[in-house]
Structure formats: C-alpha cells, structure tokens
Protein backbone atom coordinates (compact mmCIF):
# COMPACT_ATOMS: atom_id res chain seq x y z
CA UNK A 1 108.75 -5.44 43.54
CA UNK A 2 105.84 -7.23 45.22
CA UNK A 3 103.91 -5.85 48.16
CA UNK A 4 101.17 -7.16 50.45
CA UNK A 5 98.06 -4.99 50.55
CA UNK A 6 94.95 -5.10 52.71
CA UNK A 7 92.07 -3.24 51.06
CA UNK A 8 89.29 -1.48 52.94
CA UNK A 9 86.56 -0.68 50.39
CA UNK A 10 83.73 1.84 50.86
CA UNK A 11 85.88 3.96 53.17
CA UNK A 12 85.28 7.63 53.93
CA UNK A 13 88.52 8.62 52.17
CA UNK A 14 91.17 7.31 49.77
CA UNK A 15 94.54 6.72 51.44
CA UNK A 16 97.59 4.45 51.54
CA UNK A 17 99.10 3.60 54.93
CA UNK A 18 102.33 1.63 55.21
CA UNK A 19 102.93 -0.53 58.27
CA UNK A 20 106.26 -2.34 58.03
CA UNK A 21 106.22 -4.50 54.90
CA UNK A 22 102.45 -4.32 54.44
CA UNK A 23 100.13 -1.62 53.16
CA UNK A 24 96.55 -0.78 54.06
CA UNK A 25 94.70 0.93 51.23
CA UNK A 26 91.38 2.58 51.99
CA UNK A 27 89.23 3.41 48.97
CA UNK A 28 85.86 5.12 48.60
CA UNK A 29 84.92 2.76 45.77
CA UNK A 30 82.58 -0.18 46.30
CA UNK A 31 83.87 -3.72 45.74
CA UNK A 32 81.80 -4.40 42.63
CA UNK A 33 82.70 -4.75 38.97
CA UNK A 34 86.37 -4.06 39.72
CA UNK A 35 85.79 -0.50 40.96
CA UNK A 36 87.74 -0.99 44.20
CA UNK A 37 90.59 -2.79 42.41
CA UNK A 38 90.93 0.09 39.93
CA UNK A 39 91.00 2.57 42.81
CA UNK A 40 93.68 0.50 44.59
CA UNK A 41 95.85 0.39 41.46
CA UNK A 42 95.50 4.15 41.01
CA UNK A 43 96.44 4.89 44.64
CA UNK A 44 99.40 2.48 44.74
CA UNK A 45 100.71 3.92 41.46
CA UNK A 46 100.49 7.46 42.82
CA UNK A 47 102.10 6.43 46.12
CA UNK A 48 105.08 4.82 44.35
CA UNK A 49 105.23 7.51 41.62
CA UNK A 50 104.77 5.11 38.70
CA UNK A 51 102.10 4.97 36.02
CA UNK A 52 99.04 2.73 36.43
CA UNK A 53 100.28 0.33 33.76
CA UNK A 54 103.22 -0.56 36.03
CA UNK A 55 100.93 -1.83 38.81
CA UNK A 56 99.26 -5.25 38.62
CA UNK A 57 97.28 -7.32 41.13
CA UNK A 58 98.84 -10.79 41.02
CA UNK A 59 96.86 -12.45 43.81
CA UNK A 60 93.61 -11.77 45.67
CA UNK A 61 91.63 -10.19 42.85
CA UNK A 62 88.30 -10.82 44.62
CA UNK A 63 89.47 -10.64 48.25
CA UNK A 64 90.63 -7.92 50.60
CA UNK A 65 94.17 -9.26 50.94
CA UNK A 66 96.16 -8.83 47.75
CA UNK A 67 99.66 -9.21 46.38
CA UNK A 68 100.51 -6.36 44.04
CA UNK A 69 103.45 -6.26 41.65
CA UNK A 70 105.01 -2.91 40.83
CA UNK A 71 107.39 -2.63 37.88
CA UNK A 72 109.92 0.13 38.41
CA UNK A 73 112.65 1.53 36.20
C-alpha cells in the first residue's frame, strides 16, 4: 500500500493525522541527517500496526511531501 504524507518537522508533538487519502505527520525531530525521516517511519509504522522494516519512503526523501510504501501481511 502506498500513501501520500506531508511532514511537519520540528513540531511541538509527534502525531499522525489522516485527511481523506493523505496523511499529515508532525514530528519533533529536526530535518537533518535523516532524523525526521526516521521519526516519520516510526510513527507511520505504529499508526498502521506494522514493524518499522515494513515502512519505506519511496519518494520525497529530502522534501516535506513524501510517498511511503507500507508492506502488510
């Protein structure tokens, strides 16, 4: 399954908000050295109840808008 995600780094709290087919993920982590991306992967995995290895950023690695692939089952 692939989802569209908008990331808001350096937020006051970590949270995942779904709006239709898109997700907004707010993370406390700063967007440097992959810290925010790791936080996004961790939050999306927890939200979908899969392990972190099942979540992969396929597009938008350095931007705020990302496509994330989640392997289920």
